[in-house]
N, C-alpha and C. Protein backbone atom coordinates (compact mmCIF):
# COMPACT_ATOMS: atom_id res chain seq x y z
N UNK A 1 -35.45 35.57 52.96
CA UNK A 1 -35.02 34.77 51.63
C UNK A 1 -35.16 34.45 50.89
N UNK A 2 -34.40 35.61 49.80
CA UNK A 2 -36.23 35.83 48.20
C UNK A 2 -35.36 35.10 46.93
N UNK A 3 -35.53 33.25 46.75
CA UNK A 3 -33.94 32.67 45.84
C UNK A 3 -35.12 33.06 44.63
N UNK A 4 -34.03 33.08 43.37
CA UNK A 4 -34.59 33.65 42.18
C UNK A 4 -34.40 31.92 41.22
N UNK A 5 -35.58 31.51 40.94
CA UNK A 5 -35.55 30.41 39.84
C UNK A 5 -35.91 30.67 38.66
N UNK A 6 -34.24 30.61 37.94
CA UNK A 6 -34.49 29.41 36.26
C UNK A 6 -35.58 29.60 35.77
N UNK A 7 -36.67 30.43 35.09
CA UNK A 7 -37.55 29.54 34.42
C UNK A 7 -37.30 28.58 33.31
N UNK A 8 -37.65 27.64 33.36
CA UNK A 8 -37.71 26.06 33.13
C UNK A 8 -37.63 25.95 31.11
N UNK A 9 -37.91 27.29 30.24
CA UNK A 9 -37.93 27.36 29.05
C UNK A 9 -36.39 28.18 29.07
N UNK A 10 -36.38 28.88 29.90
CA UNK A 10 -34.80 29.88 29.67
C UNK A 10 -33.61 29.16 29.77
N UNK A 11 -34.06 27.90 30.80
CA UNK A 11 -32.32 27.09 31.00
C UNK A 11 -32.58 25.98 29.91
N UNK A 12 -34.06 25.91 29.56
CA UNK A 12 -33.52 24.46 27.93
C UNK A 12 -32.74 25.56 26.99
N UNK A 13 -33.16 26.85 26.85
CA UNK A 13 -32.26 28.43 26.51
C UNK A 13 -30.65 28.26 25.71
N UNK A 14 -30.50 28.11 27.53
CA UNK A 14 -28.98 28.21 28.33
C UNK A 14 -28.34 27.16 27.93
N UNK A 15 -28.97 26.10 28.03
CA UNK A 15 -28.94 24.18 27.62
C UNK A 15 -27.98 24.03 26.39
N UNK A 16 -29.13 24.50 25.68
CA UNK A 16 -29.29 24.45 24.87
C UNK A 16 -27.53 25.33 23.71
N UNK A 17 -27.61 26.84 24.22
CA UNK A 17 -26.41 27.18 23.26
C UNK A 17 -24.96 26.66 23.68
N UNK A 18 -25.29 26.38 25.57
CA UNK A 18 -24.08 26.24 25.88
C UNK A 18 -23.06 24.81 24.84
N UNK A 19 -24.88 23.91 25.19
CA UNK A 19 -24.47 22.50 23.23
C UNK A 19 -23.95 22.96 22.08
N UNK A 20 -23.98 24.17 21.13
CA UNK A 20 -24.31 24.68 20.35
C UNK A 20 -22.17 25.24 20.85
N UNK A 21 -22.11 25.70 21.07
CA UNK A 21 -21.04 26.06 20.95
C UNK A 21 -19.96 24.96 21.50
N UNK A 22 -20.57 24.46 22.32
CA UNK A 22 -19.65 23.30 22.12
C UNK A 22 -18.70 21.81 20.79
N UNK A 23 -20.21 21.63 20.34
CA UNK A 23 -20.18 21.28 19.35
C UNK A 23 -19.21 22.06 18.23
N UNK A 24 -19.64 23.08 17.91
CA UNK A 24 -18.71 24.01 17.58
C UNK A 24 -17.86 24.44 17.23
N UNK A 25 -16.58 23.99 18.59
CA UNK A 25 -16.23 24.89 19.00
C UNK A 25 -15.39 23.53 19.00
N UNK A 26 -15.98 21.93 19.02
CA UNK A 26 -15.28 20.08 18.67
C UNK A 26 -14.79 20.11 17.22
N UNK A 27 -16.32 20.49 16.79
CA UNK A 27 -16.34 19.80 15.03
C UNK A 27 -15.04 20.09 14.05
N UNK A 28 -14.37 21.31 14.77
CA UNK A 28 -13.03 21.98 13.38
C UNK A 28 -11.68 21.14 13.52
N UNK A 29 -11.86 20.91 14.72
CA UNK A 29 -10.91 19.39 15.40
C UNK A 29 -10.85 18.04 15.02
N UNK A 30 -12.08 18.22 15.20
CA UNK A 30 -12.21 16.69 14.70
C UNK A 30 -12.11 16.01 13.27
N UNK A 31 -13.07 17.63 12.55
CA UNK A 31 -12.70 17.37 11.03
C UNK A 31 -10.60 17.48 10.14
N UNK A 32 -10.43 18.04 10.92
CA UNK A 32 -9.26 18.45 10.80
C UNK A 32 -8.15 16.99 10.78
N UNK A 33 -8.24 16.38 12.41
CA UNK A 33 -8.04 15.02 12.58
C UNK A 33 -8.38 13.68 11.82
N UNK A 34 -9.24 14.26 11.39
CA UNK A 34 -9.58 12.67 10.92
C UNK A 34 -9.18 12.52 9.02
N UNK A 35 -8.86 13.31 8.20
CA UNK A 35 -8.77 13.96 6.73
C UNK A 35 -7.63 13.35 7.05
N UNK A 36 -6.78 12.05 6.28
CA UNK A 36 -5.15 12.43 6.71
C UNK A 36 -4.45 13.93 4.96
N UNK A 37 -4.04 13.67 5.86
CA UNK A 37 -2.63 14.75 5.32
C UNK A 37 -2.24 14.85 4.02
N UNK A 38 -2.64 15.31 2.55
CA UNK A 38 -1.79 15.44 1.73
C UNK A 38 -0.19 15.27 1.78
N UNK A 39 -0.06 14.09 0.52
CA UNK A 39 1.33 14.65 0.38
C UNK A 39 1.74 15.10 -0.07
N UNK A 40 3.28 15.60 0.43
CA UNK A 40 3.77 16.71 -0.63
C UNK A 40 4.27 16.23 -2.03
N UNK A 41 3.67 17.30 -2.86
CA UNK A 41 4.22 17.36 -4.25
C UNK A 41 5.29 16.88 -4.34
N UNK A 42 5.88 17.95 -4.59
CA UNK A 42 7.81 18.22 -4.49
C UNK A 42 8.41 17.01 -4.26
N UNK A 43 8.59 16.15 -3.20
CA UNK A 43 9.28 15.36 -2.87
C UNK A 43 7.90 14.60 -3.75
N UNK A 44 7.12 13.18 -4.57
CA UNK A 44 7.03 13.09 -5.70
C UNK A 44 7.19 12.86 -6.27
N UNK A 45 7.92 14.33 -6.81
CA UNK A 45 8.51 14.98 -8.09
C UNK A 45 9.33 13.73 -8.51
N UNK A 46 10.33 14.00 -6.74
CA UNK A 46 11.61 14.19 -7.76
C UNK A 46 12.08 12.17 -7.66
N UNK A 47 11.41 11.93 -7.39
CA UNK A 47 11.48 9.89 -6.84
C UNK A 47 11.62 9.77 -8.67
N UNK A 48 12.61 9.11 -8.77
CA UNK A 48 13.08 7.91 -9.21
C UNK A 48 12.26 6.85 -10.12
N UNK A 49 12.02 6.64 -11.73
CA UNK A 49 10.84 5.93 -11.85
C UNK A 49 11.52 5.36 -11.96
N UNK A 50 10.56 3.65 -11.67
CA UNK A 50 11.36 2.23 -12.11
C UNK A 50 9.90 1.08 -13.32
N UNK A 51 11.11 0.46 -13.67
CA UNK A 51 10.21 -0.61 -14.46
C UNK A 51 10.01 -1.95 -13.94
N UNK A 52 9.44 -2.87 -14.08
CA UNK A 52 9.52 -4.63 -13.40
C UNK A 52 8.84 -5.11 -14.00
N UNK A 53 9.23 -6.36 -14.73
CA UNK A 53 9.20 -7.96 -15.66
C UNK A 53 9.76 -8.90 -14.37
N UNK A 54 8.77 -9.40 -14.70
CA UNK A 54 9.33 -10.69 -13.94
C UNK A 54 8.22 -12.05 -14.49
N UNK A 55 8.13 -13.15 -15.11
CA UNK A 55 8.04 -14.22 -15.85
C UNK A 55 8.69 -15.45 -14.84
N UNK A 56 7.36 -16.77 -15.28
CA UNK A 56 7.09 -17.77 -14.37
C UNK A 56 8.69 -18.23 -15.13
N UNK A 57 9.47 -18.94 -15.19
CA UNK A 57 10.26 -20.58 -15.30
C UNK A 57 9.27 -21.94 -15.74
N UNK A 58 7.85 -21.63 -15.57
CA UNK A 58 7.09 -23.01 -16.06
C UNK A 58 5.50 -21.80 -15.91
N UNK A 59 4.47 -22.56 -16.40
CA UNK A 59 2.88 -22.04 -16.92
C UNK A 59 2.25 -23.12 -15.68
N UNK A 60 2.18 -24.34 -15.38
CA UNK A 60 2.01 -25.13 -15.25
C UNK A 60 2.76 -26.87 -14.50
N UNK A 61 2.77 -26.50 -12.77
CA UNK A 61 3.53 -27.32 -12.11
C UNK A 61 2.50 -28.50 -11.13
N UNK A 62 3.52 -29.12 -10.33
CA UNK A 62 2.75 -30.30 -9.41
C UNK A 62 2.82 -29.28 -7.94
N UNK A 63 0.86 -30.44 -7.19
CA UNK A 63 1.48 -29.11 -6.42
C UNK A 63 2.68 -29.62 -5.51
N UNK A 64 3.05 -28.59 -4.31
CA UNK A 64 4.27 -29.31 -3.73
C UNK A 64 5.53 -28.68 -4.99
N UNK A 65 5.69 -28.97 -6.40
CA UNK A 65 7.33 -28.84 -7.21
C UNK A 65 7.01 -26.27 -6.99
N UNK A 66 8.32 -27.00 -6.54
CA UNK A 66 8.81 -25.57 -7.06
C UNK A 66 8.75 -25.06 -8.06
N UNK A 67 8.42 -23.92 -8.21
CA UNK A 67 8.50 -23.15 -9.58
C UNK A 67 9.03 -21.63 -9.82
N UNK A 68 10.08 -21.32 -10.38
CA UNK A 68 11.09 -20.09 -10.16
C UNK A 68 10.15 -19.28 -10.77
N UNK A 69 10.46 -17.04 -10.51
CA UNK A 69 9.60 -16.03 -10.49
C UNK A 69 11.50 -15.78 -11.21
N UNK A 70 11.58 -14.87 -11.84
CA UNK A 70 12.52 -14.00 -11.65
C UNK A 70 12.59 -12.94 -12.68
N UNK A 71 13.44 -11.86 -12.53
CA UNK A 71 12.65 -10.84 -13.11
C UNK A 71 14.28 -9.46 -12.95
N UNK A 72 13.85 -8.96 -13.45
CA UNK A 72 14.16 -7.17 -13.47
C UNK A 72 13.51 -5.81 -13.00
N UNK A 73 14.73 -5.31 -12.63
CA UNK A 73 14.28 -3.73 -12.17
C UNK A 73 14.96 -2.98 -12.65
N UNK A 74 14.29 -2.67 -13.47
CA UNK A 74 15.53 -1.55 -14.72
C UNK A 74 15.19 0.07 -13.63
N UNK A 75 15.74 0.65 -13.57
CA UNK A 75 15.71 1.94 -13.35
C UNK A 75 16.33 2.87 -14.34
N UNK A 76 15.78 4.07 -14.68
CA UNK A 76 16.05 4.69 -15.37
C UNK A 76 17.33 5.34 -14.98
N UNK A 77 17.84 5.66 -14.02
CA UNK A 77 19.53 5.70 -13.48
C UNK A 77 19.09 5.74 -11.86
N UNK A 78 20.30 5.39 -11.17
CA UNK A 78 20.24 5.09 -9.82
C UNK A 78 19.59 6.58 -9.39
N UNK A 79 19.73 6.12 -8.64
CA UNK A 79 19.12 8.49 -7.50
C UNK A 79 20.06 8.44 -6.63
N UNK A 80 21.38 9.34 -7.71
CA UNK A 80 22.33 10.35 -6.04
C UNK A 80 23.54 9.32 -6.02
N UNK A 81 23.38 8.38 -7.87
CA UNK A 81 24.99 7.38 -7.72
C UNK A 81 24.27 6.51 -6.45
N UNK A 82 23.66 6.08 -5.24
CA UNK A 82 23.63 4.88 -4.30
C UNK A 82 23.44 3.54 -5.32
N UNK A 83 23.60 2.83 -5.07
CA UNK A 83 23.39 1.05 -5.40
C UNK A 83 22.81 0.49 -4.75
N UNK A 84 21.37 1.61 -4.05
CA UNK A 84 21.09 0.91 -2.72
C UNK A 84 20.18 -0.67 -2.84
N UNK A 85 20.09 -1.30 -1.96
CA UNK A 85 19.03 -2.83 -2.21
C UNK A 85 17.25 -1.93 -2.05
N UNK A 86 16.57 -2.85 -2.84
CA UNK A 86 15.77 -2.35 -3.19
C UNK A 86 14.33 -3.60 -2.44
N UNK A 87 13.71 -3.76 -2.07
CA UNK A 87 12.57 -4.72 -1.85
C UNK A 87 11.68 -4.67 -2.99
N UNK A 88 11.42 -5.86 -2.97
CA UNK A 88 10.53 -6.48 -4.39
C UNK A 88 9.51 -8.20 -4.05
N UNK A 89 8.09 -7.13 -3.77
CA UNK A 89 7.94 -8.18 -2.95
C UNK A 89 6.96 -9.12 -4.61
N UNK A 90 6.67 -10.48 -4.06
CA UNK A 90 6.15 -11.24 -4.54
C UNK A 90 4.27 -11.25 -3.99
N UNK A 91 3.72 -11.03 -5.12
CA UNK A 91 1.43 -11.26 -4.18
C UNK A 91 1.41 -11.78 -5.50
N UNK A 92 -0.15 -12.29 -4.43
CA UNK A 92 -1.30 -12.83 -5.13
C UNK A 92 -2.33 -12.57 -5.30
N UNK A 93 -3.31 -12.39 -6.31
CA UNK A 93 -4.48 -11.95 -6.53
C UNK A 93 -5.46 -13.08 -5.29
N UNK A 94 -6.59 -13.24 -4.50
CA UNK A 94 -6.69 -14.04 -4.14
C UNK A 94 -8.67 -13.18 -3.31
N UNK A 95 -8.63 -13.44 -4.51
CA UNK A 95 -10.75 -12.55 -4.47
C UNK A 95 -10.51 -11.73 -5.34
N UNK A 96 -10.23 -10.84 -4.68
CA UNK A 96 -10.34 -9.35 -5.81
C UNK A 96 -8.50 -8.67 -4.80
N UNK A 97 -8.49 -8.72 -3.49
CA UNK A 97 -7.12 -8.49 -2.80
C UNK A 97 -5.98 -8.81 -2.67
N UNK A 98 -5.24 -7.85 -3.33
CA UNK A 98 -3.30 -9.14 -3.73
C UNK A 98 -3.16 -8.45 -2.19
N UNK A 99 -2.09 -9.48 -2.41
CA UNK A 99 -1.95 -10.26 -0.97
C UNK A 99 -0.42 -11.21 -0.69
N UNK A 100 1.23 -10.21 0.31
CA UNK A 100 2.29 -10.52 0.09
C UNK A 100 1.97 -11.73 -0.36
N UNK A 101 2.89 -12.74 -0.71
CA UNK A 101 3.53 -13.98 -0.55
C UNK A 101 4.39 -14.61 0.18
N UNK A 102 5.97 -13.01 -0.84
CA UNK A 102 6.85 -13.89 -0.51
C UNK A 102 7.62 -12.56 -0.80
N UNK A 103 8.70 -13.02 -0.45
CA UNK A 103 9.94 -10.72 -1.03
C UNK A 103 11.62 -11.51 -1.00
N UNK A 104 11.66 -10.74 -1.07
CA UNK A 104 12.94 -10.88 -1.92
C UNK A 104 14.24 -8.98 -1.92
N UNK A 105 15.37 -9.15 -1.99
CA UNK A 105 15.50 -7.84 -2.61
C UNK A 105 16.31 -7.65 -3.80
N UNK A 106 16.79 -6.81 -4.64
CA UNK A 106 17.06 -6.79 -5.90
C UNK A 106 17.95 -5.15 -5.44
N UNK A 107 18.88 -5.08 -7.42
CA UNK A 107 19.60 -2.83 -6.46
C UNK A 107 19.41 -3.08 -8.11
N UNK A 108 19.01 -2.26 -8.37
CA UNK A 108 17.99 -1.04 -9.87
C UNK A 108 19.57 -2.17 -10.95
N UNK A 109 18.58 -1.69 -11.43
CA UNK A 109 19.41 -2.16 -13.20
C UNK A 109 19.88 -3.86 -12.38
N UNK A 110 19.28 -4.31 -12.04
CA UNK A 110 19.95 -6.09 -11.54
C UNK A 110 18.85 -7.24 -11.83
N UNK A 111 19.30 -8.08 -11.78
CA UNK A 111 17.25 -9.15 -11.57
C UNK A 111 17.69 -10.04 -10.88
N UNK A 112 16.40 -10.17 -10.29
CA UNK A 112 15.44 -11.34 -8.65
C UNK A 112 15.81 -12.27 -9.38
N UNK A 113 15.31 -13.56 -7.71
CA UNK A 113 14.27 -14.61 -8.09
C UNK A 113 14.37 -15.64 -7.34
N UNK A 114 13.21 -16.03 -7.27
CA UNK A 114 11.73 -15.94 -5.76
C UNK A 114 12.23 -18.30 -6.68
N UNK A 115 11.85 -19.11 -5.71
CA UNK A 115 11.79 -20.35 -5.66
C UNK A 115 10.07 -20.30 -5.08
N UNK A 116 9.58 -20.13 -5.50
CA UNK A 116 8.36 -20.81 -5.17
C UNK A 116 7.13 -21.96 -5.33
N UNK A 117 6.45 -22.02 -4.23
CA UNK A 117 5.41 -23.11 -4.29
C UNK A 117 4.49 -23.57 -3.78
N UNK A 118 3.79 -24.36 -4.05
CA UNK A 118 1.84 -24.26 -3.38
C UNK A 118 1.36 -25.30 -3.58
N UNK A 119 0.71 -25.87 -2.52
CA UNK A 119 0.41 -26.41 -1.77
C UNK A 119 -1.11 -27.57 -1.78
N UNK A 120 -1.70 -25.90 -2.95
CA UNK A 120 -3.07 -26.47 -3.02
C UNK A 120 -3.53 -26.65 -4.72
N UNK A 121 -4.11 -27.42 -5.51
CA UNK A 121 -4.01 -27.56 -6.74
C UNK A 121 -5.49 -26.37 -7.26
N UNK A 122 -4.70 -25.75 -7.50
CA UNK A 122 -6.00 -24.42 -7.92
C UNK A 122 -4.82 -22.92 -9.47
N UNK A 123 -5.50 -22.66 -10.18
CA UNK A 123 -4.96 -21.07 -11.01
C UNK A 123 -4.83 -20.40 -9.83
N UNK A 124 -3.53 -19.95 -9.97
CA UNK A 124 -2.21 -18.65 -9.13
C UNK A 124 -2.39 -17.38 -10.14
N UNK A 125 -2.95 -16.70 -9.84
CA UNK A 125 -2.23 -14.67 -10.85
C UNK A 125 -1.66 -14.47 -9.13
N UNK A 126 0.00 -14.00 -10.06
CA UNK A 126 0.93 -13.20 -8.90
C UNK A 126 1.11 -12.42 -9.56
N UNK A 127 1.95 -10.85 -8.88
CA UNK A 127 2.03 -10.12 -9.95
C UNK A 127 3.71 -9.71 -8.77
N UNK A 128 4.95 -9.57 -9.61
CA UNK A 128 5.66 -8.43 -8.68
C UNK A 128 5.52 -7.26 -8.47
N UNK A 129 5.93 -7.39 -7.57
CA UNK A 129 5.67 -5.92 -6.62
C UNK A 129 6.49 -4.63 -6.28
N UNK A 130 6.83 -3.53 -6.52
CA UNK A 130 8.75 -2.46 -5.72
C UNK A 130 7.90 -1.47 -4.98
N UNK A 131 7.35 -1.24 -3.51
CA UNK A 131 7.19 -0.34 -2.41
C UNK A 131 7.37 0.99 -2.98
N UNK A 132 7.35 2.01 -2.89
CA UNK A 132 8.10 3.01 -3.45
C UNK A 132 8.53 3.26 -1.37
N UNK A 133 10.15 3.70 -2.21
CA UNK A 133 10.60 4.33 -0.87
C UNK A 133 11.12 5.37 -1.29
N UNK A 134 12.01 6.01 -0.44
CA UNK A 134 12.85 6.93 -0.20
C UNK A 134 13.48 8.15 -1.83
N UNK A 135 13.74 6.96 -2.18
CA UNK A 135 15.20 7.24 -3.96
C UNK A 135 13.49 6.66 -4.71
N UNK A 136 12.77 6.28 -4.78
CA UNK A 136 11.84 5.05 -6.31
C UNK A 136 10.91 5.51 -6.57
N UNK A 137 9.85 5.52 -7.36
CA UNK A 137 9.05 5.10 -7.42
C UNK A 137 7.98 3.96 -6.88
N UNK A 138 6.64 3.68 -7.07
CA UNK A 138 6.28 2.26 -7.30
C UNK A 138 6.31 1.91 -7.80
N UNK A 139 5.82 0.83 -8.07
CA UNK A 139 5.67 -0.34 -9.89
C UNK A 139 5.55 -1.73 -9.27
N UNK A 140 4.45 -1.95 -10.57
CA UNK A 140 4.22 -3.94 -10.68
C UNK A 140 3.95 -4.10 -11.50
N UNK A 141 4.72 -5.50 -12.14
CA UNK A 141 4.20 -6.83 -12.89
C UNK A 141 3.32 -5.14 -13.89
N UNK A 142 3.16 -5.31 -15.58
CA UNK A 142 2.91 -4.28 -16.13
C UNK A 142 1.72 -5.78 -16.47
N UNK A 143 1.81 -6.61 -16.65
CA UNK A 143 1.01 -8.17 -16.44
C UNK A 143 1.27 -8.96 -15.50
N UNK A 144 -0.10 -9.59 -15.36
CA UNK A 144 0.10 -9.97 -14.15
C UNK A 144 0.79 -12.50 -14.64
N UNK A 145 0.71 -12.36 -14.40
CA UNK A 145 1.71 -13.92 -13.85
C UNK A 145 0.70 -15.23 -13.90
N UNK A 146 0.26 -16.18 -14.21
CA UNK A 146 -1.14 -16.66 -14.45
C UNK A 146 -0.17 -18.66 -14.19
N UNK A 147 0.06 -18.72 -13.27
CA UNK A 147 0.50 -20.66 -13.35
C UNK A 147 -0.82 -21.50 -12.11
N UNK A 148 -0.42 -23.06 -13.64
CA UNK A 148 -1.55 -24.32 -12.88
C UNK A 148 -0.82 -24.68 -12.41
N UNK A 149 -1.68 -24.46 -11.19
CA UNK A 149 -0.72 -25.84 -9.95
C UNK A 149 -1.69 -27.26 -9.93
N UNK A 150 -1.34 -28.09 -9.96
CA UNK A 150 -2.26 -29.23 -9.69
C UNK A 150 -1.48 -30.60 -10.71
């Protein structure tokens, strides 16, 4: 029996060629799944703009004392004549991140009100936020609200 052995150099080149072919075939698929799909421009263009205003009933409160946050959600026009309930989220700045602490709902061109209390002495920075929906674009208050608790 005459058995031919593949020389080690030829075997190494064959393994390298197979490895390169596998990596080249998988690399485009991996990069395609890692990148998020771009949002359609036409969907964003169709959303109605809203403006969110809010204020606190007091600038300074004692620990565990309630303070009222009142505001309005103004829309240039109701989208498609609907009168939907829109989410309003109160966020607190913690470090450099906005954290959700309370929420309510509000109809466009209407008011909302929330009672908040805090159990620690601190200077707290708040804002109201309206997340993007299928009808309306996202919005947040143009200025932050500062509350002294203590």
